[in-house]
PDB file of N, CA and C in Angstrom:
ATOM      1  N   MET A   1      27.246 -19.894 -37.008  1.00  0.00           N
ATOM      2  CA  MET A   1      26.696 -19.728 -35.244  1.00  0.00           C
ATOM      3  C   MET A   1      26.222 -20.867 -35.220  1.00  0.00           C
ATOM      4  N   PRO A   2      26.344 -21.287 -33.563  1.00  0.00           N
ATOM      5  CA  PRO A   2      26.078 -22.715 -32.802  1.00  0.00           C
ATOM      6  C   PRO A   2      24.532 -22.781 -32.666  1.00  0.00           C
ATOM      7  N   LEU A   3      23.995 -23.803 -32.686  1.00  0.00           N
ATOM      8  CA  LEU A   3      22.170 -24.062 -32.326  1.00  0.00           C
ATOM      9  C   LEU A   3      21.278 -23.053 -33.400  1.00  0.00           C
ATOM     10  N   GLY A   4      22.196 -23.006 -34.458  1.00  0.00           N
ATOM     11  CA  GLY A   4      21.242 -22.606 -35.764  1.00  0.00           C
ATOM     12  C   GLY A   4      20.740 -20.880 -35.320  1.00  0.00           C
ATOM     13  N   LEU A   5      21.586 -20.146 -34.352  1.00  0.00           N
ATOM     14  CA  LEU A   5      21.385 -18.710 -34.372  1.00  0.00           C
ATOM     15  C   LEU A   5      21.977 -17.965 -35.195  1.00  0.00           C
ATOM     16  N   GLN A   6      21.328 -16.888 -35.596  1.00  0.00           N
ATOM     17  CA  GLN A   6      21.510 -15.940 -36.438  1.00  0.00           C
ATOM     18  C   GLN A   6      22.093 -14.656 -35.795  1.00  0.00           C
ATOM     19  N   SER A   7      22.751 -13.817 -36.208  1.00  0.00           N
ATOM     20  CA  SER A   7      23.059 -12.485 -35.577  1.00  0.00           C
ATOM     21  C   SER A   7      21.754 -11.476 -35.281  1.00  0.00           C
ATOM     22  N   THR A   8      20.554 -11.936 -36.052  1.00  0.00           N
ATOM     23  CA  THR A   8      19.338 -10.871 -35.637  1.00  0.00           C
ATOM     24  C   THR A   8      18.783 -11.703 -34.498  1.00  0.00           C
ATOM     25  N   HIS A   9      18.830 -13.129 -34.491  1.00  0.00           N
ATOM     26  CA  HIS A   9      18.246 -13.510 -33.262  1.00  0.00           C
ATOM     27  C   HIS A   9      19.119 -13.104 -31.986  1.00  0.00           C
ATOM     28  N   LEU A  10      20.196 -13.357 -31.982  1.00  0.00           N
ATOM     29  CA  LEU A  10      20.934 -12.638 -30.780  1.00  0.00           C
ATOM     30  C   LEU A  10      21.007 -11.211 -30.499  1.00  0.00           C
ATOM     31  N   MET A  11      20.391 -10.229 -31.503  1.00  0.00           N
ATOM     32  CA  MET A  11      19.964  -9.075 -31.361  1.00  0.00           C
ATOM     33  C   MET A  11      19.121  -8.928 -30.249  1.00  0.00           C
ATOM     34  N   ILE A  12      17.928  -9.813 -31.096  1.00  0.00           N
ATOM     35  CA  ILE A  12      16.236  -9.944 -30.045  1.00  0.00           C
ATOM     36  C   ILE A  12      16.509 -10.227 -28.674  1.00  0.00           C
ATOM     37  N   LEU A  13      17.732 -11.013 -28.586  1.00  0.00           N
ATOM     38  CA  LEU A  13      17.604 -11.601 -27.417  1.00  0.00           C
ATOM     39  C   LEU A  13      18.345 -10.607 -26.496  1.00  0.00           C
ATOM     40  N   LEU A  14      19.257  -9.799 -26.860  1.00  0.00           N
ATOM     41  CA  LEU A  14      20.094  -8.857 -26.136  1.00  0.00           C
ATOM     42  C   LEU A  14      18.817  -7.863 -25.843  1.00  0.00           C
ATOM     43  N   VAL A  15      17.912  -7.242 -26.898  1.00  0.00           N
ATOM     44  CA  VAL A  15      16.928  -6.309 -26.833  1.00  0.00           C
ATOM     45  C   VAL A  15      16.215  -6.825 -25.498  1.00  0.00           C
ATOM     46  N   THR A  16      15.885  -7.970 -25.848  1.00  0.00           N
ATOM     47  CA  THR A  16      14.214  -8.172 -24.510  1.00  0.00           C
ATOM     48  C   THR A  16      14.890  -8.406 -23.207  1.00  0.00           C
ATOM     49  N   GLY A  17      16.275  -9.010 -23.355  1.00  0.00           N
ATOM     50  CA  GLY A  17      17.084  -8.972 -22.098  1.00  0.00           C
ATOM     51  C   GLY A  17      17.041  -7.780 -21.275  1.00  0.00           C
ATOM     52  N   LEU A  18      17.495  -6.686 -21.863  1.00  0.00           N
ATOM     53  CA  LEU A  18      17.432  -5.395 -21.695  1.00  0.00           C
ATOM     54  C   LEU A  18      16.371  -4.809 -21.225  1.00  0.00           C
ATOM     55  N   MET A  19      15.146  -5.212 -22.126  1.00  0.00           N
ATOM     56  CA  MET A  19      13.813  -4.448 -21.875  1.00  0.00           C
ATOM     57  C   MET A  19      13.380  -4.929 -20.364  1.00  0.00           C
ATOM     58  N   CYS A  20      13.804  -6.174 -19.945  1.00  0.00           N
ATOM     59  CA  CYS A  20      13.143  -7.120 -18.675  1.00  0.00           C
ATOM     60  C   CYS A  20      14.072  -6.149 -17.336  1.00  0.00           C
ATOM     61  N   LEU A  21      15.011  -5.435 -17.664  1.00  0.00           N
ATOM     62  CA  LEU A  21      16.208  -4.926 -16.894  1.00  0.00           C
ATOM     63  C   LEU A  21      15.521  -3.830 -16.603  1.00  0.00           C
ATOM     64  N   ILE A  22      14.734  -3.186 -17.634  1.00  0.00           N
ATOM     65  CA  ILE A  22      14.277  -1.600 -17.401  1.00  0.00           C
ATOM     66  C   ILE A  22      13.582  -1.614 -15.888  1.00  0.00           C
ATOM     67  N   PRO A  23      12.337  -2.408 -15.839  1.00  0.00           N
ATOM     68  CA  PRO A  23      11.300  -2.392 -14.476  1.00  0.00           C
ATOM     69  C   PRO A  23      12.348  -2.611 -13.636  1.00  0.00           C
ATOM     70  N   VAL A  24      12.960  -3.188 -13.867  1.00  0.00           N
ATOM     71  CA  VAL A  24      13.657  -3.736 -11.948  1.00  0.00           C
ATOM     72  C   VAL A  24      14.814  -2.494 -11.902  1.00  0.00           C
ATOM     73  N   PHE A  25      15.426  -1.771 -12.735  1.00  0.00           N
ATOM     74  CA  PHE A  25      16.116  -0.707 -12.400  1.00  0.00           C
ATOM     75  C   PHE A  25      14.839   0.717 -12.099  1.00  0.00           C
ATOM     76  N   ILE A  26      13.936   0.728 -12.832  1.00  0.00           N
ATOM     77  CA  ILE A  26      13.449   1.649 -12.046  1.00  0.00           C
ATOM     78  C   ILE A  26      12.810   1.391 -10.612  1.00  0.00           C
ATOM     79  N   VAL A  27      12.646   0.233 -10.358  1.00  0.00           N
ATOM     80  CA  VAL A  27      11.899  -0.086  -9.001  1.00  0.00           C
ATOM     81  C   VAL A  27      13.068   0.283  -7.882  1.00  0.00           C
ATOM     82  N   GLY A  28      14.042  -0.372  -8.368  1.00  0.00           N
ATOM     83  CA  GLY A  28      15.270   0.471  -7.431  1.00  0.00           C
ATOM     84  C   GLY A  28      15.994   1.612  -7.257  1.00  0.00           C
ATOM     85  N   VAL A  29      15.286   2.403  -8.145  1.00  0.00           N
ATOM     86  CA  VAL A  29      15.803   3.681  -8.336  1.00  0.00           C
ATOM     87  C   VAL A  29      14.659   4.702  -7.362  1.00  0.00           C
ATOM     88  N   GLY A  30      13.561   3.661  -7.038  1.00  0.00           N
ATOM     89  CA  GLY A  30      12.521   4.232  -6.328  1.00  0.00           C
ATOM     90  C   GLY A  30      12.588   4.131  -4.890  1.00  0.00           C
ATOM     91  N   VAL A  31      12.797   2.995  -4.833  1.00  0.00           N
ATOM     92  CA  VAL A  31      13.427   2.146  -3.397  1.00  0.00           C
ATOM     93  C   VAL A  31      14.440   3.229  -2.673  1.00  0.00           C
ATOM     94  N   TYR A  32      15.525   3.367  -3.990  1.00  0.00           N
ATOM     95  CA  TYR A  32      16.833   4.311  -3.149  1.00  0.00           C
ATOM     96  C   TYR A  32      16.183   5.696  -2.734  1.00  0.00           C
ATOM     97  N   ILE A  33      15.124   6.245  -3.485  1.00  0.00           N
ATOM     98  CA  ILE A  33      14.990   7.286  -3.143  1.00  0.00           C
ATOM     99  C   ILE A  33      14.269   7.408  -2.298  1.00  0.00           C
ATOM    100  N   LEU A  34      13.275   6.774  -1.656  1.00  0.00           N
ATOM    101  CA  LEU A  34      12.443   6.804  -0.528  1.00  0.00           C
ATOM    102  C   LEU A  34      13.139   6.182   0.745  1.00  0.00           C
ATOM    103  N   VAL A  35      14.116   5.473   0.293  1.00  0.00           N
ATOM    104  CA  VAL A  35      15.235   5.431   1.610  1.00  0.00           C
ATOM    105  C   VAL A  35      16.027   6.392   1.909  1.00  0.00           C
ATOM    106  N   SER A  36      16.310   6.925   0.909  1.00  0.00           N
ATOM    107  CA  SER A  36      17.346   8.175   1.055  1.00  0.00           C
ATOM    108  C   SER A  36      16.441   9.563   1.760  1.00  0.00           C
ATOM    109  N   ARG A  37      15.082   9.593   1.202  1.00  0.00           N
ATOM    110  CA  ARG A  37      14.482  10.664   2.156  1.00  0.00           C
ATOM    111  C   ARG A  37      14.036  10.107   3.608  1.00  0.00           C
ATOM    112  N   SER A  38      13.583   9.224   3.944  1.00  0.00           N
ATOM    113  CA  SER A  38      13.103   8.809   5.240  1.00  0.00           C
ATOM    114  C   SER A  38      14.542   8.750   6.153  1.00  0.00           C
ATOM    115  N   GLY A  39      15.707   8.798   5.479  1.00  0.00           N
ATOM    116  CA  GLY A  39      17.138   9.015   6.558  1.00  0.00           C
ATOM    117  C   GLY A  39      17.175  10.342   6.562  1.00  0.00           C
ATOM    118  N   LYS A  40      16.754  11.444   5.724  1.00  0.00           N
ATOM    119  CA  LYS A  40      16.770  12.640   5.953  1.00  0.00           C
ATOM    120  C   LYS A  40      15.925  13.111   7.210  1.00  0.00           C
ATOM    121  N   SER A  41      14.742  12.753   6.941  1.00  0.00           N
ATOM    122  CA  SER A  41      13.555  13.420   7.871  1.00  0.00           C
ATOM    123  C   SER A  41      14.156  12.759   9.312  1.00  0.00           C
ATOM    124  N   GLN A  42      14.288  11.417   9.484  1.00  0.00           N
ATOM    125  CA  GLN A  42      14.710  10.957  11.179  1.00  0.00           C
ATOM    126  C   GLN A  42      15.870  11.940  11.508  1.00  0.00           C
ATOM    127  N   GLU A  43      16.855  12.183  10.712  1.00  0.00           N
ATOM    128  CA  GLU A  43      18.265  12.982  10.939  1.00  0.00           C
ATOM    129  C   GLU A  43      17.631  14.481  11.756  1.00  0.00           C
ATOM    130  N   GLN A  44      16.774  15.114  10.611  1.00  0.00           N
ATOM    131  CA  GLN A  44      16.205  16.681  11.195  1.00  0.00           C
ATOM    132  C   GLN A  44      15.098  16.262  12.305  1.00  0.00           C
ATOM    133  N   ALA A  45      14.864  15.264  12.474  1.00  0.00           N
ATOM    134  CA  ALA A  45      13.731  15.020  13.677  1.00  0.00           C
ATOM    135  C   ALA A  45      14.218  14.734  14.916  1.00  0.00           C
ATOM    136  N   ALA A  46      15.650  14.167  14.979  1.00  0.00           N
ATOM    137  CA  ALA A  46      16.610  14.267  15.981  1.00  0.00           C
ATOM    138  C   ALA A  46      17.319  15.750  16.766  1.00  0.00           C
ATOM    139  N   VAL A  47      17.504  16.835  15.789  1.00  0.00           N
ATOM    140  CA  VAL A  47      17.970  18.046  16.210  1.00  0.00           C
ATOM    141  C   VAL A  47      16.822  18.734  17.049  1.00  0.00           C
ATOM    142  N   PRO A  48      16.971  18.950  18.287  1.00  0.00           N
ATOM    143  CA  PRO A  48      15.853  19.345  19.179  1.00  0.00           C
ATOM    144  C   PRO A  48      16.068  21.045  18.903  1.00  0.00           C
ATOM    145  N   THR A  49      14.670  21.907  18.603  1.00  0.00           N
ATOM    146  CA  THR A  49      14.446  23.234  18.632  1.00  0.00           C
ATOM    147  C   THR A  49      14.881  23.533  19.993  1.00  0.00           C
ATOM    148  N   SER A  50      14.899  25.101  19.861  1.00  0.00           N
ATOM    149  CA  SER A  50      15.428  25.807  20.923  1.00  0.00           C
ATOM    150  C   SER A  50      14.180  25.984  22.060  1.00  0.00           C
ATOM    151  N   LEU A  51      13.156  25.550  21.393  1.00  0.00           N
ATOM    152  CA  LEU A  51      11.762  25.709  22.359  1.00  0.00           C
ATOM    153  C   LEU A  51      11.793  24.187  23.075  1.00  0.00           C
ATOM    154  N   ASP A  52      12.158  23.290  22.191  1.00  0.00           N
ATOM    155  CA  ASP A  52      12.391  21.917  23.055  1.00  0.00           C
ATOM    156  C   ASP A  52      13.490  21.637  23.758  1.00  0.00           C
ATOM    157  N   ILE A  53      14.935  22.622  24.060  1.00  0.00           N
ATOM    158  CA  ILE A  53      15.940  22.720  24.598  1.00  0.00           C
ATOM    159  C   ILE A  53      15.242  23.161  25.929  1.00  0.00           C
ATOM    160  N   LEU A  54      14.157  24.380  25.923  1.00  0.00           N
ATOM    161  CA  LEU A  54      13.954  25.231  27.267  1.00  0.00           C
ATOM    162  C   LEU A  54      12.831  24.533  27.723  1.00  0.00           C
ATOM    163  N   LYS A  55      12.563  23.740  26.854  1.00  0.00           N
ATOM    164  CA  LYS A  55      11.133  22.766  27.769  1.00  0.00           C
ATOM    165  C   LYS A  55      11.779  21.769  28.795  1.00  0.00           C
ATOM    166  N   MET A  56      13.308  21.317  28.026  1.00  0.00           N
ATOM    167  CA  MET A  56      14.018  20.296  28.904  1.00  0.00           C
ATOM    168  C   MET A  56      14.375  20.550  29.974  1.00  0.00           C
ATOM    169  N   ARG A  57      14.862  22.144  29.707  1.00  0.00           N
ATOM    170  CA  ARG A  57      15.166  22.853  31.407  1.00  0.00           C
ATOM    171  C   ARG A  57      14.333  23.214  32.194  1.00  0.00           C
ATOM    172  N   TYR A  58      13.274  23.179  31.848  1.00  0.00           N
ATOM    173  CA  TYR A  58      12.131  23.395  32.645  1.00  0.00           C
ATOM    174  C   TYR A  58      11.885  22.091  33.311  1.00  0.00           C
ATOM    175  N   ALA A  59      11.656  21.168  32.798  1.00  0.00           N
ATOM    176  CA  ALA A  59      11.271  19.432  33.200  1.00  0.00           C
ATOM    177  C   ALA A  59      12.386  19.478  34.190  1.00  0.00           C
ATOM    178  N   LYS A  60      13.783  19.497  33.898  1.00  0.00           N
ATOM    179  CA  LYS A  60      14.737  19.102  34.636  1.00  0.00           C
ATOM    180  C   LYS A  60      14.587  19.913  36.133  1.00  0.00           C
ATOM    181  N   GLY A  61      14.338  21.042  36.026  1.00  0.00           N
ATOM    182  CA  GLY A  61      14.219  22.152  37.071  1.00  0.00           C
ATOM    183  C   GLY A  61      15.397  23.014  37.063  1.00  0.00           C
ATOM    184  N   GLU A  62      16.028  23.402  36.096  1.00  0.00           N
ATOM    185  CA  GLU A  62      17.085  23.894  35.769  1.00  0.00           C
ATOM    186  C   GLU A  62      16.922  25.478  35.703  1.00  0.00           C
ATOM    187  N   ILE A  63      15.381  25.662  35.354  1.00  0.00           N
ATOM    188  CA  ILE A  63      14.917  27.085  35.351  1.00  0.00           C
ATOM    189  C   ILE A  63      13.750  27.277  36.202  1.00  0.00           C
ATOM    190  N   THR A  64      12.989  28.006  36.851  1.00  0.00           N
ATOM    191  CA  THR A  64      11.963  28.319  37.128  1.00  0.00           C
ATOM    192  C   THR A  64      10.998  28.679  35.999  1.00  0.00           C
ATOM    193  N   GLN A  65       9.612  28.779  36.669  1.00  0.00           N
ATOM    194  CA  GLN A  65       8.459  28.559  35.499  1.00  0.00           C
ATOM    195  C   GLN A  65       8.471  30.093  35.157  1.00  0.00           C
ATOM    196  N   ASP A  66       8.746  31.265  35.763  1.00  0.00           N
ATOM    197  CA  ASP A  66       8.802  32.677  35.169  1.00  0.00           C
ATOM    198  C   ASP A  66      10.044  32.872  34.621  1.00  0.00           C
ATOM    199  N   GLN A  67      11.006  32.244  34.559  1.00  0.00           N
ATOM    200  CA  GLN A  67      12.137  32.263  33.498  1.00  0.00           C
ATOM    201  C   GLN A  67      11.662  31.569  32.489  1.00  0.00           C
ATOM    202  N   PHE A  68      11.083  30.328  32.398  1.00  0.00           N
ATOM    203  CA  PHE A  68      10.334  29.688  31.234  1.00  0.00           C
ATOM    204  C   PHE A  68       9.599  30.531  30.425  1.00  0.00           C
ATOM    205  N   LEU A  69       8.554  30.779  31.208  1.00  0.00           N
ATOM    206  CA  LEU A  69       8.091  31.864  30.801  1.00  0.00           C
ATOM    207  C   LEU A  69       8.123  33.141  29.700  1.00  0.00           C
ATOM    208  N   LYS A  70       9.361  33.787  30.577  1.00  0.00           N
ATOM    209  CA  LYS A  70       9.950  34.940  29.899  1.00  0.00           C
ATOM    210  C   LYS A  70      10.635  34.452  28.319  1.00  0.00           C
ATOM    211  N   MET A  71      11.566  33.473  28.738  1.00  0.00           N
ATOM    212  CA  MET A  71      12.328  32.905  27.983  1.00  0.00           C
ATOM    213  C   MET A  71      11.463  32.557  26.438  1.00  0.00           C
ATOM    214  N   LYS A  72      10.672  31.697  27.025  1.00  0.00           N
ATOM    215  CA  LYS A  72       9.541  31.393  25.670  1.00  0.00           C
ATOM    216  C   LYS A  72       8.840  32.791  25.008  1.00  0.00           C
ATOM    217  N   SER A  73       8.636  33.396  25.571  1.00  0.00           N
ATOM    218  CA  SER A  73       7.594  34.890  25.161  1.00  0.00           C
ATOM    219  C   SER A  73       8.947  35.304  24.129  1.00  0.00           C
ATOM    220  N   ASP A  74      10.511  35.352  24.678  1.00  0.00           N
ATOM    221  CA  ASP A  74      11.734  35.999  23.664  1.00  0.00           C
ATOM    222  C   ASP A  74      11.435  34.982  22.494  1.00  0.00           C
ATOM    223  N   LEU A  75      11.406  33.576  22.664  1.00  0.00           N
ATOM    224  CA  LEU A  75      11.637  32.927  21.239  1.00  0.00           C
ATOM    225  C   LEU A  75      10.517  33.077  19.889  1.00  0.00           C
ATOM    226  N   SER A  76       9.341  33.399  20.762  1.00  0.00           N
ATOM    227  CA  SER A  76       8.016  33.581  20.067  1.00  0.00           C
ATOM    228  C   SER A  76       8.090  35.159  19.141  1.00  0.00           C
TER     229      SER A  76
END
């Protein structure tokens, strides 16, 4: 072997190198999970509920207050 390295030294270097990559892998998986969860919550927040739609219709003047209150009680 060149530079006086024996097979046991190479094995130790390989194992040590892999051990150094384990924390990097764990942190990477953690970041991936956090990013994927935050994306889902934003998508869910973007979908308006039926009450939100009803409020928007009332705010635009598409329905009267009586209609709004009736529809709101129907949703509850």
